[in-house]
C-alpha cells in the first residue's frame, strides 16, 4: 500500500492563492480530483491526505466536499482560526465532518519567529485533541526552537512535522539552523514527520538523490522508521520535481529499510498518525 501523506488541491484564483508568485507559473492552474486520479494511476498511490493551501474556512469546506466524492482522499488537514475568540464554535462547526483529520496554520509565513508562543493560538491548539484532530506543524528551520517549546506545551496532542521543517539546502552543506534543532524536536514521541517537500527547498540549480540523501539520513535517524512517512507535496513539488520522480527517489533512499519498515513509512505511519481507514 502507498499513502501520499501530503498533497494539495485548488481551483486556481490569483486573489485566493497569493502565495503562488509570478515565478511559479506551473502552479497557476487547477489541480483537482481529476488530476489527482492521474497522479494516483501514474505513481500507484492508494490514498492521499489533502492539506490546506490557503488560510480560509472555505478552503476546509472545499476540501471536505471534494474528499466526500473522491475515495482516493483518505483524510483532510484543514484550516481554522485557531487564535480567534470564537474558536470553540468554529471547531464545533467542523468537528466530525467527513474525512477531517487535522488542522494546520501556515506558521512559516508569520513574520514573528516565535509566533508559536502566542497565547490565543495555543489555546486554540489545546482544543484540537477534544475533537480527535491532529496538528500539522509547517515551519522553516529558523522556527524550530519555537516549535520545540510548542510541542512541549502540547505533549498529549499528536502532531505531524511537515516537510522535515524545511531546511535550506544549498552548496552541499547542511543547514546549520536545522539539524541540531530538528534532532531535538524529534525526541518528542508524540510527533511524526513527513519526508516531503524536500526537493523544493534545494537552492542549487540542479539536484539528485545525493543532494537529498543527507537529509534523509538525519530524518530517519532522528524520527526512526516508525515515525517517518512519505509525502509528495504535489503539486507544489512540480517547482522542482514530478510526483513519480520524487517517489522513485524516496523509494531508492528507503530501500535500506526492512520490508516491515518500508510498509510503515509508505503507508502505516500515515494511517496511524491521522487515524485513516486502512
Protein backbone atom coordinates (compact mmCIF):
# COMPACT_ATOMS: atom_id res chain seq x y z
CA UNK A 1 0.00 0.00 0.00
CA UNK A 2 1.12 3.56 -0.75
CA UNK A 3 -0.30 6.58 1.07
CA UNK A 4 0.83 10.03 -0.01
CA UNK A 5 0.52 11.90 3.28
CA UNK A 6 0.74 15.41 1.82
CA UNK A 7 -0.74 16.98 -1.28
CA UNK A 8 -2.87 19.98 -2.21
CA UNK A 9 -5.88 20.73 -4.38
CA UNK A 10 -7.09 24.04 -5.72
CA UNK A 11 -9.18 25.78 -8.36
CA UNK A 12 -6.60 28.44 -9.10
CA UNK A 13 -7.59 32.04 -8.37
CA UNK A 14 -4.77 34.61 -8.03
CA UNK A 15 -6.76 36.51 -5.41
CA UNK A 16 -7.17 33.40 -3.26
CA UNK A 17 -3.69 31.93 -3.70
CA UNK A 18 -1.48 35.00 -3.45
CA UNK A 19 1.49 32.91 -2.28
CA UNK A 20 1.77 31.49 -5.81
CA UNK A 21 4.17 34.10 -7.20
CA UNK A 22 4.99 35.06 -10.78
CA UNK A 23 7.90 32.61 -10.91
CA UNK A 24 5.60 29.70 -10.03
CA UNK A 25 3.75 29.62 -13.34
CA UNK A 26 3.48 25.81 -13.30
CA UNK A 27 1.18 26.12 -10.27
CA UNK A 28 -1.12 28.71 -11.84
CA UNK A 29 -3.72 26.19 -12.96
CA UNK A 30 -6.35 23.94 -11.43
CA UNK A 31 -5.30 20.86 -9.51
CA UNK A 32 -8.44 18.97 -8.60
CA UNK A 33 -9.71 15.39 -8.24
CA UNK A 34 -9.29 14.55 -11.93
CA UNK A 35 -5.59 15.47 -11.84
CA UNK A 36 -5.20 13.60 -8.56
CA UNK A 37 -6.55 10.43 -10.13
CA UNK A 38 -3.99 10.77 -12.92
CA UNK A 39 -1.18 11.03 -10.36
CA UNK A 40 -2.52 8.02 -8.48
CA UNK A 41 -2.55 5.96 -11.67
CA UNK A 42 0.94 7.02 -12.71
CA UNK A 43 2.57 6.55 -9.30
CA UNK A 44 0.46 3.72 -7.88
CA UNK A 45 -0.91 5.70 -4.93
CA UNK A 46 -3.70 4.04 -2.96
CA UNK A 47 -4.68 7.07 -0.90
CA UNK A 48 -3.88 10.70 -0.18
CA UNK A 49 -4.08 13.18 2.69
CA UNK A 50 -5.28 16.55 1.36
CA UNK A 51 -3.75 19.55 3.13
CA UNK A 52 -4.92 23.16 3.17
CA UNK A 53 -3.14 25.67 0.93
CA UNK A 54 -4.93 28.87 1.94
CA UNK A 55 -5.99 30.15 5.35
CA UNK A 56 -9.73 30.17 4.99
CA UNK A 57 -12.64 28.20 6.39
CA UNK A 58 -13.85 28.00 2.80
CA UNK A 59 -10.72 26.00 2.00
CA UNK A 60 -11.64 23.46 4.65
CA UNK A 61 -15.19 23.23 3.32
CA UNK A 62 -13.98 22.84 -0.27
CA UNK A 63 -11.52 20.07 0.60
CA UNK A 64 -14.11 18.17 2.63
CA UNK A 65 -16.61 18.35 -0.24
CA UNK A 66 -14.06 17.02 -2.72
CA UNK A 67 -12.97 14.31 -0.27
CA UNK A 68 -16.57 13.25 0.19
CA UNK A 69 -16.79 12.42 -3.50
CA UNK A 70 -13.25 11.09 -4.08
CA UNK A 71 -12.34 7.72 -2.48
CA UNK A 72 -8.62 8.31 -3.08
CA UNK A 73 -8.66 11.05 -0.43
CA UNK A 74 -8.36 9.31 2.93
CA UNK A 75 -8.10 12.40 5.12
CA UNK A 76 -8.18 16.21 5.13
CA UNK A 77 -5.97 18.58 7.11
CA UNK A 78 -7.89 21.84 7.07
CA UNK A 79 -7.58 25.36 8.41
CA UNK A 80 -9.46 27.11 11.17
CA UNK A 81 -8.90 30.39 13.00
CA UNK A 82 -7.08 28.83 15.94
CA UNK A 83 -6.36 32.23 17.54
CA UNK A 84 -9.89 33.56 17.01
CA UNK A 85 -12.10 34.37 20.01
CA UNK A 86 -14.82 32.09 18.61
CA UNK A 87 -12.51 29.12 18.10
CA UNK A 88 -14.74 26.79 20.12
CA UNK A 89 -17.77 27.43 17.92
CA UNK A 90 -15.62 27.11 14.79
CA UNK A 91 -14.40 23.74 15.97
CA UNK A 92 -17.93 22.61 16.76
CA UNK A 93 -18.98 23.54 13.24
CA UNK A 94 -16.38 21.29 11.58
CA UNK A 95 -15.83 18.56 14.17
CA UNK A 96 -16.74 15.12 12.90
CA UNK A 97 -17.29 16.30 9.34
CA UNK A 98 -16.42 13.70 6.75
CA UNK A 99 -12.72 12.92 6.47
CA UNK A 100 -11.38 15.79 8.58
CA UNK A 101 -8.33 14.50 10.49
CA UNK A 102 -6.33 17.60 11.39
CA UNK A 103 -5.64 21.32 11.23
CA UNK A 104 -2.72 23.41 10.03
CA UNK A 105 -1.64 27.05 10.17
CA UNK A 106 0.95 28.45 7.75
CA UNK A 107 3.38 29.39 10.51
CA UNK A 108 6.26 29.61 8.00
CA UNK A 109 4.76 32.85 6.66
CA UNK A 110 4.37 34.52 10.03
CA UNK A 111 6.88 37.38 10.46
CA UNK A 112 7.44 36.56 14.13
CA UNK A 113 9.72 33.53 14.50
CA UNK A 114 8.12 32.97 17.92
CA UNK A 115 4.54 33.01 16.58
CA UNK A 116 4.00 29.58 18.13
CA UNK A 117 4.28 31.16 21.59
CA UNK A 118 1.04 33.11 21.11
CA UNK A 119 -1.42 32.63 23.98
CA UNK A 120 -4.61 32.70 21.89
CA UNK A 121 -3.11 30.39 19.27
CA UNK A 122 -2.01 27.90 21.91
CA UNK A 123 -5.47 27.94 23.46
CA UNK A 124 -6.98 27.02 20.10
CA UNK A 125 -4.47 24.24 19.55
CA UNK A 126 -5.15 22.86 23.02
CA UNK A 127 -8.77 22.21 21.98
CA UNK A 128 -7.93 20.04 18.97
CA UNK A 129 -7.46 16.86 20.97
CA UNK A 130 -11.03 17.08 22.25
CA UNK A 131 -12.15 16.71 18.63
CA UNK A 132 -9.68 13.95 17.71
CA UNK A 133 -7.76 16.28 15.40
CA UNK A 134 -4.03 16.25 14.74
CA UNK A 135 -1.98 19.44 14.34
CA UNK A 136 0.39 19.79 11.35
CA UNK A 137 3.49 21.91 12.03
CA UNK A 138 4.52 23.94 8.97
CA UNK A 139 7.69 25.91 9.70
CA UNK A 140 11.08 26.90 8.37
CA UNK A 141 14.23 25.71 10.15
CA UNK A 142 14.65 29.08 11.85
CA UNK A 143 11.35 28.46 13.68
CA UNK A 144 12.42 25.12 15.14
CA UNK A 145 13.34 26.49 18.61
CA UNK A 146 9.80 27.84 18.99
CA UNK A 147 8.39 24.55 17.66
CA UNK A 148 10.26 22.60 20.35
CA UNK A 149 8.68 24.68 23.10
CA UNK A 150 5.31 24.47 21.35
CA UNK A 151 5.47 20.69 21.17
CA UNK A 152 6.32 20.55 24.88
CA UNK A 153 3.28 22.66 25.73
CA UNK A 154 1.03 20.17 23.92
CA UNK A 155 2.64 16.89 24.93
CA UNK A 156 -0.59 14.90 24.66
CA UNK A 157 -1.63 16.19 21.22
CA UNK A 158 -0.49 14.17 18.19
CA UNK A 159 1.45 16.42 15.81
CA UNK A 160 2.97 15.96 12.37
CA UNK A 161 6.01 17.91 11.18
CA UNK A 162 5.60 18.89 7.53
CA UNK A 163 8.49 18.78 5.04
CA UNK A 164 11.14 17.88 7.67
CA UNK A 165 10.81 21.50 8.91
CA UNK A 166 12.08 22.98 5.63
CA UNK A 167 15.86 23.24 5.85
CA UNK A 168 17.66 25.45 3.35
CA UNK A 169 19.53 23.05 1.06
CA UNK A 170 22.43 24.70 -0.73
CA UNK A 171 26.02 24.08 -1.72
CA UNK A 172 26.28 20.61 -0.29
CA UNK A 173 26.41 21.88 3.31
CA UNK A 174 23.86 21.06 5.99
CA UNK A 175 21.66 23.95 7.11
CA UNK A 176 23.27 24.87 10.49
CA UNK A 177 19.93 26.12 11.86
CA UNK A 178 18.23 22.86 11.03
CA UNK A 179 19.99 19.67 12.09
CA UNK A 180 20.53 20.13 15.86
CA UNK A 181 17.09 21.63 16.47
CA UNK A 182 15.40 19.08 14.20
CA UNK A 183 17.01 16.24 16.13
CA UNK A 184 15.89 17.81 19.40
CA UNK A 185 12.32 18.22 18.14
CA UNK A 186 12.28 14.56 17.10
CA UNK A 187 12.84 13.50 20.72
CA UNK A 188 9.16 14.31 21.35
CA UNK A 189 7.46 10.95 20.90
CA UNK A 190 4.05 12.46 20.12
CA UNK A 191 5.41 13.86 16.86
CA UNK A 192 5.71 12.15 13.49
CA UNK A 193 7.34 13.67 10.42
CA UNK A 194 6.70 13.83 6.68
CA UNK A 195 9.60 13.28 4.32
CA UNK A 196 8.06 15.62 1.79
CA UNK A 197 8.71 18.95 0.14
CA UNK A 198 12.48 18.46 0.35
CA UNK A 199 13.41 19.00 -3.31
CA UNK A 200 11.58 22.32 -3.26
CA UNK A 201 13.99 23.61 -0.61
CA UNK A 202 17.07 22.99 -2.79
CA UNK A 203 18.59 26.34 -3.75
CA UNK A 204 21.09 24.91 -6.23
CA UNK A 205 20.25 24.85 -9.94
CA UNK A 206 20.07 21.05 -10.01
CA UNK A 207 19.57 18.25 -7.52
CA UNK A 208 19.85 14.48 -7.44
CA UNK A 209 19.47 11.71 -4.90
CA UNK A 210 22.83 12.54 -3.31
CA UNK A 211 21.59 16.09 -2.66
CA UNK A 212 18.66 14.66 -0.72
CA UNK A 213 20.41 11.73 1.00
CA UNK A 214 21.98 13.64 3.95
CA UNK A 215 18.53 14.97 4.90
CA UNK A 216 17.02 11.51 4.59
CA UNK A 217 19.74 10.11 6.83
CA UNK A 218 19.14 12.72 9.53
CA UNK A 219 15.34 12.43 9.36
CA UNK A 220 15.45 8.64 9.51
CA UNK A 221 17.90 8.61 12.39
CA UNK A 222 16.01 11.29 14.31
CA UNK A 223 12.43 10.01 13.92
CA UNK A 224 13.08 6.37 13.09
CA UNK A 225 11.11 4.23 10.64
CA UNK A 226 8.05 4.16 12.93
CA UNK A 227 7.56 7.96 12.98
CA UNK A 228 8.54 8.99 9.44
CA UNK A 229 6.12 8.96 6.49
CA UNK A 230 6.16 9.56 2.76
CA UNK A 231 4.64 12.69 1.25
CA UNK A 232 4.95 14.37 -2.12
CA UNK A 233 3.76 17.95 -1.60
CA UNK A 234 2.20 17.69 -5.07
CA UNK A 235 1.58 19.94 -6.96
CA UNK A 236 3.99 22.33 -5.19
CA UNK A 237 6.73 19.76 -5.81
CA UNK A 238 6.37 20.48 -9.54
CA UNK A 239 8.55 23.54 -8.96
CA UNK A 240 11.50 21.12 -8.73
CA UNK A 241 10.32 17.55 -9.42
CA UNK A 242 7.49 15.42 -10.71
CA UNK A 243 5.45 13.21 -8.40
CA UNK A 244 6.85 9.95 -9.79
CA UNK A 245 10.42 11.28 -9.85
CA UNK A 246 10.15 12.20 -6.17
CA UNK A 247 8.57 8.85 -5.30
CA UNK A 248 11.29 6.97 -7.18
CA UNK A 249 13.97 8.97 -5.36
CA UNK A 250 12.48 8.22 -1.97
CA UNK A 251 11.99 4.56 -2.83
CA UNK A 252 15.72 4.32 -3.52
CA UNK A 253 16.53 6.02 -0.22
CA UNK A 254 14.13 3.76 1.67
CA UNK A 255 15.42 0.57 0.06
CA UNK A 256 17.76 0.15 3.03
CA UNK A 257 14.77 -0.37 5.32
CA UNK A 258 13.28 -3.77 6.08
CA UNK A 259 10.05 -4.80 4.36
CA UNK A 260 8.04 -4.01 7.50
CA UNK A 261 9.76 -0.64 7.92
CA UNK A 262 9.05 0.28 4.31
CA UNK A 263 5.40 -0.68 4.75
CA UNK A 264 5.23 1.62 7.78
CA UNK A 265 7.00 4.51 6.04
CA UNK A 266 4.95 4.33 2.84
CA UNK A 267 1.55 3.77 4.45
CA UNK A 268 1.28 2.51 8.01
CA UNK A 269 2.67 5.55 9.78
CA UNK A 270 0.31 7.93 7.97
CA UNK A 271 -2.64 5.66 8.73
CA UNK A 272 -1.69 5.60 12.41
CA UNK A 273 -0.84 9.31 12.74
CA UNK A 274 -4.06 10.52 11.17
CA UNK A 275 -6.36 7.66 12.13
CA UNK A 276 -7.12 6.86 8.49
CA UNK A 277 -9.18 3.91 7.37
CA UNK A 278 -6.68 1.21 6.32
